[in-house]
């Protein structure tokens, strides 16, 4: 198209359509809003009035500019209003029948050179294009909600789409201040293709009563830095919408990870579709409200198992980054800490690492020099586990090798006093295997800290079928005292965070293997479209490809799901010694330090 897309019709004025109209009008486009519901049209006008009024109050635009924006947005109830549009964006419900009806009607209304864009994130753009009179002018234009804030726009081409049409909407997206990513036509595209599999697994995890909705959401927010937990996000998106997207993804992939969790159907058919209905996984103050209110499933706050055991001193076994970080956390909270390593030299090196960390905190004004000295004085470095004889809680933070951990727990069993709690920080190995290496499996529990331990707020507390109630209560109490957020989960591979995170990472690798999208486009899509702090390939290189592969193998062995099999590309990179940042090359190359 040689002329700019200056007049744009938006068909469907729900939340997404209203957001798109808002962004277009502010960018100087003439916007024709079309909806069969006069109420929806009135709400869209009111939303634009409110958002532009806030912009005036914040000094972002003048009142005169606001009036210009409002004048550029007109609403109608008849599709014939789109007759002179350069571009029509439909954002009607996710149904082939509904969308096809709109496209068939538009064929007889719009100019021959007009571009028709579907806002679908689940249905086939190719199928919609093929049934249009001008398939070369049909493409996908997938915005993300809230449209005003989210930078990503996926520009979706079918095999029929004209490059001229793609170029025109790509330029438009850039002029709107968005980041367009070109993708092919498959359900979910890039961002939702990765996001909805993860959301589905979270729903299945909740349905299986493996963890509470609050703990699942807190784990992913605090353990991965995500802006929302998966179940809260499902409520925001709409449980029924998520189910529709997953049905389309499963029809295409036949991957069990995309087969909608039964609870999504149950909630949808009951009308419990999330925020818009006032109830979904959570209960809200009113339909459309974001305020979560207590319901029958809201935790009462009491810890099962009653009072815990007294903990005054803590032993931390290990000399690596995680061990020193955990020792620092306990010492800061006022506990006497014994940091034991395989030699006195290694223990002293680990304590020196803590001293440097505390010095940085002083430099940044986060603690006083006096507090630093008091914290360091609480840490005793020891070259042998024998120093754990009198500790109340022993925390193992050694290599992620089951044989090594079992040997260490057998030694702790002989050294630690009766009644001491024995905890492992494993992220993927069975806690019960460590427990059975002792004569007191009831005293063994998992305490999975996240790296870096001083900064990350989450601790996954992993009970085995043998863990005593008072041991569980003890560790929850201690976790609160060290100012971490505890979440409870059972003893199965991946616990909460890794069980949800690593299949998502594995699926991102498969997208690259299939040449569907590039590393850069996938990373950009998840950061800009999902609000993730890091893209999947950035994260894989930070975690370490060898570590990632080991966790994915554990998940595959545990759940026996073909969809969890590690990507061959990941296995090849690990075999080649390309392990990420630590080796200077993983999915990307890094400058050597």
Protein backbone atom coordinates (compact mmCIF):
# COMPACT_ATOMS: atom_id res chain seq x y z
CA UNK A 1 0.00 0.00 0.00
CA UNK A 2 1.53 3.28 -1.12
CA UNK A 3 -0.64 5.47 1.11
CA UNK A 4 -0.42 5.41 4.92
CA UNK A 5 -3.08 3.66 6.97
CA UNK A 6 -4.80 6.81 8.17
CA UNK A 7 -8.41 5.63 8.60
CA UNK A 8 -8.79 2.45 10.60
CA UNK A 9 -11.92 0.57 11.60
CA UNK A 10 -11.96 -1.55 14.76
CA UNK A 11 -14.73 -4.16 14.78
CA UNK A 12 -15.54 -5.31 18.31
CA UNK A 13 -15.26 -2.84 21.19
CA UNK A 14 -14.52 -5.11 24.10
CA UNK A 15 -11.44 -4.60 26.26
CA UNK A 16 -9.00 -5.37 23.45
CA UNK A 17 -10.85 -3.42 20.74
CA UNK A 18 -11.22 -0.40 23.01
CA UNK A 19 -7.51 -0.47 23.83
CA UNK A 20 -6.56 -0.67 20.14
CA UNK A 21 -8.90 2.24 19.32
CA UNK A 22 -7.36 4.28 22.14
CA UNK A 23 -3.80 3.74 20.85
CA UNK A 24 -4.77 4.48 17.25
CA UNK A 25 -6.65 7.70 18.06
CA UNK A 26 -3.78 9.00 20.18
CA UNK A 27 -1.42 8.29 17.28
CA UNK A 28 -3.42 10.60 15.00
CA UNK A 29 -5.49 8.01 13.14
CA UNK A 30 -9.15 8.42 12.29
CA UNK A 31 -10.77 5.54 14.14
CA UNK A 32 -14.12 3.98 13.29
CA UNK A 33 -15.34 1.85 16.19
CA UNK A 34 -17.97 -0.73 15.27
CA UNK A 35 -19.97 -2.92 17.65
CA UNK A 36 -23.50 -4.30 17.46
CA UNK A 37 -23.90 -3.40 21.13
CA UNK A 38 -24.61 0.28 21.73
CA UNK A 39 -23.65 -0.28 25.36
CA UNK A 40 -20.20 -1.58 24.34
CA UNK A 41 -19.73 1.41 22.04
CA UNK A 42 -20.70 3.82 24.81
CA UNK A 43 -18.30 2.08 27.21
CA UNK A 44 -15.48 2.39 24.66
CA UNK A 45 -16.08 6.16 24.33
CA UNK A 46 -16.21 6.50 28.11
CA UNK A 47 -12.96 4.54 28.47
CA UNK A 48 -11.20 6.82 25.97
CA UNK A 49 -12.56 9.89 27.74
CA UNK A 50 -11.29 8.58 31.07
CA UNK A 51 -7.85 7.54 29.82
CA UNK A 52 -7.25 10.85 28.03
CA UNK A 53 -8.45 12.80 31.09
CA UNK A 54 -5.83 10.96 33.17
CA UNK A 55 -3.22 11.83 30.56
CA UNK A 56 -4.14 15.53 30.88
CA UNK A 57 -3.97 15.32 34.69
CA UNK A 58 -0.48 13.80 34.44
CA UNK A 59 0.70 16.45 32.01
CA UNK A 60 1.22 14.03 29.13
CA UNK A 61 -1.16 15.83 26.76
CA UNK A 62 -3.01 19.15 26.77
CA UNK A 63 -6.77 19.50 26.95
CA UNK A 64 -6.78 20.67 23.33
CA UNK A 65 -4.90 17.53 22.28
CA UNK A 66 -7.36 15.47 24.28
CA UNK A 67 -10.30 16.96 22.43
CA UNK A 68 -8.58 16.20 19.12
CA UNK A 69 -8.14 12.56 20.15
CA UNK A 70 -11.79 12.24 21.17
CA UNK A 71 -12.92 13.81 17.90
CA UNK A 72 -11.01 11.18 15.93
CA UNK A 73 -12.97 8.32 17.50
CA UNK A 74 -16.48 7.68 16.17
CA UNK A 75 -18.65 4.67 16.92
CA UNK A 76 -21.23 2.85 14.80
CA UNK A 77 -23.34 -0.29 14.98
CA UNK A 78 -23.18 -1.18 11.26
CA UNK A 79 -20.22 -2.69 9.40
CA UNK A 80 -20.92 -0.38 6.43
CA UNK A 81 -19.20 2.36 8.46
CA UNK A 82 -15.92 0.64 7.46
CA UNK A 83 -16.45 1.40 3.76
CA UNK A 84 -13.64 3.97 3.51
CA UNK A 85 -11.21 2.39 5.97
CA UNK A 86 -7.64 1.70 4.87
CA UNK A 87 -7.38 -1.05 7.47
CA UNK A 88 -10.02 -3.01 9.37
CA UNK A 89 -9.02 -4.81 12.58
CA UNK A 90 -11.58 -7.30 13.84
CA UNK A 91 -11.50 -8.18 17.53
CA UNK A 92 -14.73 -10.15 17.84
CA UNK A 93 -15.07 -13.35 19.95
CA UNK A 94 -12.74 -16.28 19.19
CA UNK A 95 -15.08 -18.24 16.94
CA UNK A 96 -14.52 -19.16 13.28
CA UNK A 97 -18.21 -18.69 12.56
CA UNK A 98 -18.32 -15.20 14.07
CA UNK A 99 -15.10 -14.05 12.41
CA UNK A 100 -16.00 -15.56 9.04
CA UNK A 101 -19.35 -13.78 9.14
CA UNK A 102 -17.53 -10.48 9.72
CA UNK A 103 -15.00 -11.13 6.92
CA UNK A 104 -17.67 -12.18 4.42
CA UNK A 105 -19.63 -9.01 5.14
CA UNK A 106 -16.51 -6.83 4.87
CA UNK A 107 -15.70 -8.32 1.43
CA UNK A 108 -18.71 -6.52 0.05
CA UNK A 109 -18.11 -3.28 1.93
CA UNK A 110 -14.44 -2.24 2.01
CA UNK A 111 -12.32 -0.86 -0.83
CA UNK A 112 -10.40 -3.39 -2.95
CA UNK A 113 -7.06 -2.18 -1.54
CA UNK A 114 -8.12 -2.21 2.12
CA UNK A 115 -6.27 -4.54 4.49
CA UNK A 116 -8.27 -6.88 6.72
CA UNK A 117 -6.60 -7.89 9.99
CA UNK A 118 -7.80 -10.43 12.51
CA UNK A 119 -6.91 -10.00 16.15
CA UNK A 120 -7.14 -13.75 16.83
CA UNK A 121 -4.55 -15.44 18.97
CA UNK A 122 -5.90 -18.94 18.51
CA UNK A 123 -7.58 -19.42 15.15
CA UNK A 124 -6.00 -20.01 11.76
CA UNK A 125 -5.33 -16.80 9.86
CA UNK A 126 -4.88 -18.90 6.71
CA UNK A 127 -8.36 -20.39 7.06
CA UNK A 128 -9.91 -16.96 7.53
CA UNK A 129 -7.94 -15.59 4.56
CA UNK A 130 -8.83 -18.49 2.27
CA UNK A 131 -12.53 -17.76 2.66
CA UNK A 132 -12.08 -14.06 1.90
CA UNK A 133 -12.53 -12.60 -1.58
CA UNK A 134 -9.07 -11.00 -1.24
CA UNK A 135 -6.91 -13.46 0.72
CA UNK A 136 -3.71 -11.56 -0.09
CA UNK A 137 -5.03 -8.61 1.93
CA UNK A 138 -5.77 -10.67 5.08
CA UNK A 139 -3.31 -11.05 7.93
CA UNK A 140 -3.13 -11.25 11.72
CA UNK A 141 -2.44 -8.27 13.95
CA UNK A 142 -2.17 -9.54 17.52
CA UNK A 143 -1.99 -6.87 20.21
CA UNK A 144 -1.54 -7.64 23.91
CA UNK A 145 -3.60 -6.36 26.81
CA UNK A 146 -3.44 -3.73 28.22
CA UNK A 147 -2.82 -2.41 24.71
CA UNK A 148 -1.76 1.04 25.90
CA UNK A 149 1.10 -0.43 27.96
CA UNK A 150 2.21 -3.59 26.16
CA UNK A 151 4.76 -2.98 23.40
CA UNK A 152 4.50 -6.22 21.44
CA UNK A 153 2.45 -6.64 18.26
CA UNK A 154 2.68 -9.96 16.42
CA UNK A 155 2.24 -9.50 12.66
CA UNK A 156 0.96 -12.82 11.35
CA UNK A 157 1.32 -13.81 7.69
CA UNK A 158 -0.39 -16.72 5.99
CA UNK A 159 1.01 -18.32 2.84
CA UNK A 160 -1.47 -16.12 0.94
CA UNK A 161 -0.58 -12.77 2.49
CA UNK A 162 0.94 -10.05 0.29
CA UNK A 163 4.28 -8.65 1.54
CA UNK A 164 2.91 -5.18 0.77
CA UNK A 165 0.15 -5.66 3.35
CA UNK A 166 2.64 -6.98 5.90
CA UNK A 167 4.96 -4.00 5.36
CA UNK A 168 2.07 -1.53 5.75
CA UNK A 169 0.88 -2.87 9.12
CA UNK A 170 4.46 -3.27 10.34
CA UNK A 171 5.09 0.43 9.69
CA UNK A 172 1.80 1.24 11.44
CA UNK A 173 2.81 -0.76 14.51
CA UNK A 174 6.14 1.08 14.67
CA UNK A 175 4.39 4.45 14.36
CA UNK A 176 2.16 3.44 17.28
CA UNK A 177 5.31 3.01 19.39
CA UNK A 178 5.03 -0.78 19.32
CA UNK A 179 7.58 -3.49 18.60
CA UNK A 180 6.30 -5.61 15.69
CA UNK A 181 7.45 -9.23 15.45
CA UNK A 182 6.79 -11.11 12.21
CA UNK A 183 5.49 -14.64 12.76
CA UNK A 184 3.92 -17.45 10.76
CA UNK A 185 0.41 -18.76 11.12
CA UNK A 186 0.07 -21.31 13.88
CA UNK A 187 -2.18 -21.28 16.98
CA UNK A 188 -0.83 -19.06 19.74
CA UNK A 189 1.91 -17.62 17.52
CA UNK A 190 5.03 -16.96 19.63
CA UNK A 191 4.01 -15.34 22.92
CA UNK A 192 0.72 -17.13 23.51
CA UNK A 193 2.13 -20.32 22.03
CA UNK A 194 4.57 -20.41 24.96
CA UNK A 195 2.38 -18.69 27.54
CA UNK A 196 -0.75 -20.83 27.29
CA UNK A 197 1.06 -24.15 27.65
CA UNK A 198 2.52 -22.84 30.91
CA UNK A 199 -0.87 -21.55 32.08
CA UNK A 200 -2.46 -24.89 31.27
CA UNK A 201 0.11 -26.76 33.33
CA UNK A 202 -0.48 -24.42 36.26
CA UNK A 203 -4.22 -25.07 36.07
CA UNK A 204 -3.58 -28.83 35.99
CA UNK A 205 -1.21 -28.52 38.97
CA UNK A 206 -3.91 -26.72 40.95
CA UNK A 207 -6.60 -29.20 39.86
CA UNK A 208 -4.43 -32.07 41.11
CA UNK A 209 -4.30 -30.34 44.52
CA UNK A 210 -0.50 -30.39 44.38
CA UNK A 211 -0.35 -26.82 45.69
CA UNK A 212 -2.80 -24.06 46.56
CA UNK A 213 -3.70 -21.37 44.04
CA UNK A 214 -2.01 -18.78 46.27
CA UNK A 215 1.21 -20.80 46.51
CA UNK A 216 1.34 -21.51 42.75
CA UNK A 217 0.92 -17.83 41.94
CA UNK A 218 3.36 -16.65 44.63
CA UNK A 219 5.95 -19.20 43.50
CA UNK A 220 5.98 -17.95 39.91
CA UNK A 221 5.94 -14.27 40.87
CA UNK A 222 8.68 -14.52 43.48
CA UNK A 223 10.69 -17.36 41.95
CA UNK A 224 10.67 -16.09 38.35
CA UNK A 225 9.96 -12.36 38.72
CA UNK A 226 6.73 -12.58 36.71
CA UNK A 227 4.25 -9.70 36.98
CA UNK A 228 1.35 -12.07 37.76
CA UNK A 229 0.90 -15.65 38.86
CA UNK A 230 -0.54 -18.05 36.24
CA UNK A 231 -3.95 -18.57 37.85
CA UNK A 232 -4.49 -14.85 38.42
CA UNK A 233 -3.46 -14.32 34.79
CA UNK A 234 -5.97 -16.93 33.59
CA UNK A 235 -8.67 -15.01 35.44
CA UNK A 236 -7.56 -11.79 33.75
CA UNK A 237 -7.44 -13.32 30.26
CA UNK A 238 -10.70 -15.19 30.78
CA UNK A 239 -10.87 -18.89 31.57
CA UNK A 240 -13.13 -19.46 28.55
CA UNK A 241 -10.74 -17.60 26.24
CA UNK A 242 -7.80 -19.65 27.53
CA UNK A 243 -9.71 -22.85 26.91
CA UNK A 244 -10.47 -21.78 23.32
CA UNK A 245 -6.82 -20.94 22.64
CA UNK A 246 -5.64 -24.26 24.09
CA UNK A 247 -8.20 -26.24 22.09
CA UNK A 248 -6.85 -24.65 18.91
CA UNK A 249 -3.24 -25.27 19.96
CA UNK A 250 -3.94 -28.91 20.80
CA UNK A 251 -5.77 -29.48 17.50
CA UNK A 252 -2.60 -28.33 15.73
CA UNK A 253 0.12 -29.84 17.93
CA UNK A 254 -1.51 -32.93 19.51
CA UNK A 255 0.84 -32.14 22.42
CA UNK A 256 -0.63 -33.20 25.75
CA UNK A 257 0.77 -30.03 27.31
CA UNK A 258 -1.79 -28.13 25.20
CA UNK A 259 -4.78 -30.37 25.98
CA UNK A 260 -6.93 -28.06 28.15
CA UNK A 261 -6.96 -29.03 31.82
CA UNK A 262 -10.46 -30.29 32.71
CA UNK A 263 -10.87 -27.56 35.30
CA UNK A 264 -10.87 -24.97 32.49
CA UNK A 265 -13.94 -26.64 30.98
CA UNK A 266 -15.63 -26.97 34.37
CA UNK A 267 -15.15 -23.30 35.22
CA UNK A 268 -16.12 -22.13 31.73
CA UNK A 269 -19.33 -24.14 31.62
CA UNK A 270 -20.24 -22.92 35.11
CA UNK A 271 -19.84 -19.32 33.94
CA UNK A 272 -16.88 -18.81 36.28
CA UNK A 273 -14.73 -17.20 33.59
CA UNK A 274 -12.50 -14.98 35.74
CA UNK A 275 -12.53 -11.29 36.49
CA UNK A 276 -15.17 -10.48 33.89
CA UNK A 277 -17.71 -12.71 35.68
CA UNK A 278 -16.50 -11.91 39.20
CA UNK A 279 -15.24 -15.43 39.85
CA UNK A 280 -12.77 -17.86 38.33
CA UNK A 281 -9.83 -19.38 40.15
CA UNK A 282 -10.30 -16.51 42.61
CA UNK A 283 -13.35 -14.54 43.71
CA UNK A 284 -13.56 -10.81 42.93
CA UNK A 285 -15.43 -7.91 44.53
CA UNK A 286 -17.67 -7.55 41.46
CA UNK A 287 -17.73 -8.58 37.79
CA UNK A 288 -14.92 -6.71 36.05
CA UNK A 289 -13.18 -5.87 39.34
CA UNK A 290 -9.50 -6.61 39.96
CA UNK A 291 -10.01 -6.77 43.76
CA UNK A 292 -9.67 -10.32 45.09
CA UNK A 293 -11.94 -11.03 48.05
CA UNK A 294 -11.76 -13.96 50.50
CA UNK A 295 -13.75 -17.08 49.69
CA UNK A 296 -14.04 -20.63 50.99
CA UNK A 297 -10.61 -21.53 49.56
CA UNK A 298 -8.72 -18.58 51.05
CA UNK A 299 -6.09 -19.81 53.55
CA UNK A 300 -6.95 -19.09 57.16
CA UNK A 301 -3.33 -18.32 58.01
CA UNK A 302 -2.77 -21.09 60.55
CA UNK A 303 0.05 -23.53 59.92
CA UNK A 304 -0.92 -27.18 59.88
CA UNK A 305 0.91 -29.24 62.44
CA UNK A 306 0.85 -26.77 65.31
CA UNK A 307 3.98 -25.43 66.94
CA UNK A 308 7.38 -26.19 65.53
CA UNK A 309 10.65 -27.09 67.19
CA UNK A 310 12.94 -24.43 68.63
CA UNK A 311 15.69 -23.32 66.25
CA UNK A 312 18.54 -21.17 67.56
CA UNK A 313 21.48 -22.40 65.52
CA UNK A 314 21.74 -23.44 61.88
CA UNK A 315 24.31 -25.50 60.01
CA UNK A 316 24.81 -24.92 56.28
CA UNK A 317 26.75 -27.60 54.37
CA UNK A 318 28.52 -26.48 51.22
CA UNK A 319 30.95 -23.85 49.98
CA UNK A 320 29.38 -22.63 46.75
CA UNK A 321 27.37 -19.52 45.96
CA UNK A 322 24.09 -21.01 47.17
CA UNK A 323 25.55 -22.26 50.46
CA UNK A 324 27.19 -18.92 51.28
CA UNK A 325 24.01 -17.05 50.30
CA UNK A 326 21.86 -19.21 52.57
CA UNK A 327 24.31 -18.81 55.46
CA UNK A 328 24.21 -15.03 54.95
CA UNK A 329 20.40 -15.05 55.05
CA UNK A 330 20.25 -16.96 58.34
CA UNK A 331 22.98 -14.86 59.96
CA UNK A 332 21.24 -11.61 58.98
CA UNK A 333 18.09 -12.91 60.68
CA UNK A 334 19.96 -13.39 63.95
CA UNK A 335 20.71 -17.12 63.86
CA UNK A 336 24.08 -18.54 64.87
CA UNK A 337 25.40 -20.26 61.74
CA UNK A 338 27.99 -22.97 61.21
CA UNK A 339 29.17 -22.96 57.56
CA UNK A 340 30.86 -26.30 56.91
CA UNK A 341 32.79 -27.31 53.80
CA UNK A 342 35.07 -30.19 52.80
CA UNK A 343 38.08 -28.27 54.07
CA UNK A 344 38.77 -25.32 56.32
CA UNK A 345 40.17 -23.43 53.34
CA UNK A 346 36.93 -23.85 51.37
CA UNK A 347 34.85 -22.81 54.39
CA UNK A 348 36.98 -19.70 54.91
CA UNK A 349 36.63 -18.83 51.20
CA UNK A 350 32.84 -19.15 51.47
CA UNK A 351 32.79 -16.89 54.54
CA UNK A 352 34.97 -14.35 52.68
CA UNK A 353 32.36 -14.37 49.90
CA UNK A 354 29.72 -13.49 52.50
CA UNK A 355 31.91 -10.67 53.81
CA UNK A 356 32.11 -9.18 50.30
CA UNK A 357 28.34 -9.45 49.89
CA UNK A 358 27.75 -7.70 53.21
CA UNK A 359 30.27 -5.00 52.30
CA UNK A 360 28.29 -4.28 49.12
CA UNK A 361 25.16 -3.94 51.23
CA UNK A 362 26.93 -1.40 53.44
CA UNK A 363 28.18 0.52 50.39
CA UNK A 364 24.61 0.68 49.04
CA UNK A 365 23.21 1.86 52.35
CA UNK A 366 21.19 -1.29 52.96
CA UNK A 367 22.86 -2.07 56.28
CA UNK A 368 25.21 -0.40 58.73
CA UNK A 369 28.81 -1.34 59.31
CA UNK A 370 27.88 -2.43 62.83
CA UNK A 371 25.17 -4.76 61.50
CA UNK A 372 27.67 -6.20 59.02
CA UNK A 373 30.15 -6.97 61.77
CA UNK A 374 27.46 -8.56 63.95
CA UNK A 375 26.27 -10.71 61.07
CA UNK A 376 29.76 -11.94 60.22
CA UNK A 377 30.43 -12.69 63.89
CA UNK A 378 27.45 -15.09 63.92
CA UNK A 379 29.04 -17.25 61.17
CA UNK A 380 31.59 -19.87 62.15
CA UNK A 381 33.50 -21.47 59.26
CA UNK A 382 34.28 -25.16 59.76
CA UNK A 383 36.21 -27.70 57.71
CA UNK A 384 34.10 -30.66 58.82
CA UNK A 385 30.45 -31.60 59.30
CA UNK A 386 31.36 -32.60 62.85
CA UNK A 387 30.72 -28.93 63.74
CA UNK A 388 26.98 -29.64 63.23
CA UNK A 389 26.73 -31.68 66.43
CA UNK A 390 24.61 -29.10 68.26
CA UNK A 391 22.75 -27.29 65.48
CA UNK A 392 18.93 -27.28 65.53
CA UNK A 393 18.58 -27.10 61.74
CA UNK A 394 21.04 -28.49 59.17
CA UNK A 395 20.67 -27.25 55.60
CA UNK A 396 22.46 -29.13 52.82
CA UNK A 397 23.53 -27.04 49.78
CA UNK A 398 26.02 -29.25 47.96
CA UNK A 399 26.18 -30.46 44.34
CA UNK A 400 22.93 -31.56 42.65
CA UNK A 401 23.96 -35.22 42.68
CA UNK A 402 21.77 -37.72 44.50
CA UNK A 403 24.65 -40.01 45.50
CA UNK A 404 26.55 -37.07 47.02
CA UNK A 405 23.47 -35.85 48.88
CA UNK A 406 22.57 -39.30 50.22
CA UNK A 407 26.09 -39.76 51.53
CA UNK A 408 25.95 -36.37 53.22
CA UNK A 409 22.58 -37.12 54.86
CA UNK A 410 23.90 -40.43 56.16
CA UNK A 411 26.70 -38.48 57.85
CA UNK A 412 24.30 -35.83 59.20
CA UNK A 413 22.22 -38.63 60.69
CA UNK A 414 25.20 -39.75 62.75
CA UNK A 415 26.45 -36.25 63.66
CA UNK A 416 23.35 -34.14 64.38
CA UNK A 417 21.61 -34.36 67.74
CA UNK A 418 18.21 -36.04 68.10
CA UNK A 419 15.38 -33.68 67.11
CA UNK A 420 17.48 -31.62 64.70
CA UNK A 421 15.70 -30.81 61.42
CA UNK A 422 17.60 -31.92 58.31
CA UNK A 423 16.84 -29.97 55.11
CA UNK A 424 17.97 -30.33 51.50
CA UNK A 425 18.02 -27.44 49.02
CA UNK A 426 17.64 -29.71 45.98
CA UNK A 427 15.76 -28.19 43.04
CA UNK A 428 14.91 -31.42 41.24
CA UNK A 429 15.95 -34.56 43.13
CA UNK A 430 13.57 -36.60 45.36
CA UNK A 431 13.70 -35.38 48.94
CA UNK A 432 12.51 -38.77 50.21
CA UNK A 433 15.66 -40.40 48.78
CA UNK A 434 17.72 -38.13 51.05
CA UNK A 435 15.39 -38.91 53.96
CA UNK A 436 15.77 -42.68 53.50
CA UNK A 437 19.55 -42.33 53.80
CA UNK A 438 18.92 -41.53 57.48
CA UNK A 439 17.43 -43.40 60.42
CA UNK A 440 15.02 -40.47 61.01
CA UNK A 441 13.22 -39.72 57.75
CA UNK A 442 10.50 -37.90 59.68
CA UNK A 443 13.02 -35.12 60.41
CA UNK A 444 13.92 -34.53 56.73
CA UNK A 445 12.33 -31.85 54.52
CA UNK A 446 13.14 -29.80 51.43
CA UNK A 447 13.95 -26.08 51.59
CA UNK A 448 14.45 -24.94 48.00
CA UNK A 449 16.01 -21.47 48.00
CA UNK A 450 16.40 -19.51 44.78
CA UNK A 451 19.59 -17.91 43.52
CA UNK A 452 20.79 -15.40 44.69
CA UNK A 453 19.49 -16.48 48.08
CA UNK A 454 19.94 -13.08 49.82
CA UNK A 455 17.76 -11.36 47.17
CA UNK A 456 15.16 -13.95 46.17
CA UNK A 457 12.13 -14.05 48.46
CA UNK A 458 10.79 -17.51 47.65
CA UNK A 459 11.43 -20.77 49.49
CA UNK A 460 9.64 -23.93 48.31
CA UNK A 461 8.98 -26.14 51.34
CA UNK A 462 8.87 -29.75 50.21
CA UNK A 463 7.23 -32.35 52.43
CA UNK A 464 7.73 -36.03 51.81
CA UNK A 465 5.14 -38.62 52.81
CA UNK A 466 7.32 -39.27 55.88
CA UNK A 467 7.94 -35.68 57.06
CA UNK A 468 6.59 -34.97 60.55
CA UNK A 469 4.03 -32.20 61.01
CA UNK A 470 6.16 -30.36 63.56
CA UNK A 471 9.14 -30.42 61.16
CA UNK A 472 6.99 -28.79 58.49
CA UNK A 473 5.76 -26.22 61.03
CA UNK A 474 9.35 -25.54 62.13
CA UNK A 475 10.57 -24.82 58.62
CA UNK A 476 7.60 -22.56 57.86
CA UNK A 477 8.28 -20.58 61.04
CA UNK A 478 11.99 -20.30 60.27
CA UNK A 479 11.28 -19.24 56.68
CA UNK A 480 9.09 -16.41 57.93
CA UNK A 481 11.76 -15.32 60.42
CA UNK A 482 14.38 -15.04 57.66
CA UNK A 483 11.89 -12.85 55.75
CA UNK A 484 11.24 -15.27 52.93
CA UNK A 485 7.90 -16.32 51.47
CA UNK A 486 7.18 -20.03 52.02
CA UNK A 487 5.10 -22.08 49.59
CA UNK A 488 4.15 -25.69 50.29
CA UNK A 489 4.48 -28.45 47.74
CA UNK A 490 4.85 -32.20 47.58
CA UNK A 491 7.95 -34.23 46.80
CA UNK A 492 7.79 -34.58 43.03
CA UNK A 493 10.14 -33.48 40.26
CA UNK A 494 10.46 -29.76 39.74
CA UNK A 495 8.24 -28.85 42.69
CA UNK A 496 6.23 -25.78 41.60
CA UNK A 497 8.60 -23.38 39.85
CA UNK A 498 10.80 -25.69 37.83
CA UNK A 499 7.89 -27.95 36.89
CA UNK A 500 6.21 -24.95 35.25
CA UNK A 501 9.28 -23.04 34.08
CA UNK A 502 11.34 -25.66 32.27
CA UNK A 503 8.66 -27.06 29.92
CA UNK A 504 8.10 -23.44 28.84
CA UNK A 505 11.84 -23.05 28.18
CA UNK A 506 11.94 -26.38 26.34
CA UNK A 507 9.03 -25.33 24.11
CA UNK A 508 10.86 -22.09 23.25
CA UNK A 509 13.83 -24.15 22.05
CA UNK A 510 11.50 -26.30 19.94
CA UNK A 511 10.21 -23.13 18.22
CA UNK A 512 13.76 -22.34 17.13
CA UNK A 513 14.39 -25.95 16.08
CA UNK A 514 11.30 -25.77 13.86
CA UNK A 515 12.51 -22.46 12.36
CA UNK A 516 9.24 -20.84 13.43
CA UNK A 517 10.89 -17.81 15.05
CA UNK A 518 14.36 -16.51 15.94
CA UNK A 519 15.96 -16.36 19.37
CA UNK A 520 15.68 -12.57 19.35
CA UNK A 521 12.02 -12.55 18.31
CA UNK A 522 11.05 -15.13 20.95
CA UNK A 523 12.92 -13.27 23.71
CA UNK A 524 11.37 -9.98 22.61
CA UNK A 525 7.89 -11.53 22.45
CA UNK A 526 8.00 -12.85 26.01
CA UNK A 527 9.47 -9.67 27.48
CA UNK A 528 7.24 -7.25 25.58
CA UNK A 529 4.10 -9.39 25.34
CA UNK A 530 4.25 -11.28 28.63
CA UNK A 531 6.07 -8.85 30.89
CA UNK A 532 8.78 -11.42 31.60
CA UNK A 533 12.00 -9.97 33.09
CA UNK A 534 14.10 -12.11 30.72
CA UNK A 535 13.40 -13.92 27.48
CA UNK A 536 13.65 -17.74 27.55
CA UNK A 537 17.03 -17.87 25.80
CA UNK A 538 18.52 -15.16 27.99
CA UNK A 539 17.34 -17.15 31.01
CA UNK A 540 18.64 -20.48 29.69
CA UNK A 541 22.10 -19.00 29.18
CA UNK A 542 22.07 -17.56 32.71
CA UNK A 543 20.85 -20.76 34.40
CA UNK A 544 23.25 -22.92 32.38
CA UNK A 545 22.28 -25.26 29.58
CA UNK A 546 23.68 -28.28 31.43
CA UNK A 547 21.61 -27.46 34.51
CA UNK A 548 18.52 -26.89 32.33
CA UNK A 549 19.02 -30.19 30.53
CA UNK A 550 19.40 -32.07 33.80
CA UNK A 551 16.15 -30.64 35.16
CA UNK A 552 14.28 -31.37 31.94
CA UNK A 553 15.50 -34.97 31.99
CA UNK A 554 14.29 -35.35 35.58
CA UNK A 555 10.86 -33.96 34.64
CA UNK A 556 10.64 -36.28 31.64
CA UNK A 557 11.56 -39.32 33.74
CA UNK A 558 9.06 -38.39 36.46
CA UNK A 559 6.01 -37.61 34.33
CA UNK A 560 6.74 -39.81 31.26
CA UNK A 561 5.13 -37.20 29.00
CA UNK A 562 6.60 -37.11 25.47
CA UNK A 563 6.07 -33.34 25.40
CA UNK A 564 8.58 -33.00 28.25
CA UNK A 565 11.40 -34.75 26.38
CA UNK A 566 14.39 -32.38 26.22
CA UNK A 567 14.87 -30.65 22.90
CA UNK A 568 17.60 -32.27 20.74
CA UNK A 569 19.08 -28.80 20.15
CA UNK A 570 19.61 -28.38 23.89
CA UNK A 571 21.26 -31.79 24.12
CA UNK A 572 23.56 -30.97 21.18
CA UNK A 573 24.68 -27.67 22.69
CA UNK A 574 25.44 -29.31 26.04
CA UNK A 575 27.38 -32.11 24.31
CA UNK A 576 29.40 -29.42 22.50
CA UNK A 577 30.27 -27.72 25.80
CA UNK A 578 28.17 -24.65 25.00
CA UNK A 579 26.65 -24.20 28.46
CA UNK A 580 25.72 -20.51 28.47
CA UNK A 581 27.34 -17.48 30.00
CA UNK A 582 29.66 -19.51 32.20
CA UNK A 583 31.45 -20.94 29.14
CA UNK A 584 31.10 -17.85 26.95
CA UNK A 585 28.69 -19.52 24.55
CA UNK A 586 25.23 -21.03 24.80
CA UNK A 587 22.36 -19.95 22.60
CA UNK A 588 24.32 -16.72 22.19
CA UNK A 589 28.00 -15.84 22.42
CA UNK A 590 29.39 -13.71 25.26
CA UNK A 591 32.57 -11.74 25.72
CA UNK A 592 35.14 -13.57 27.81
CA UNK A 593 35.91 -11.94 31.14
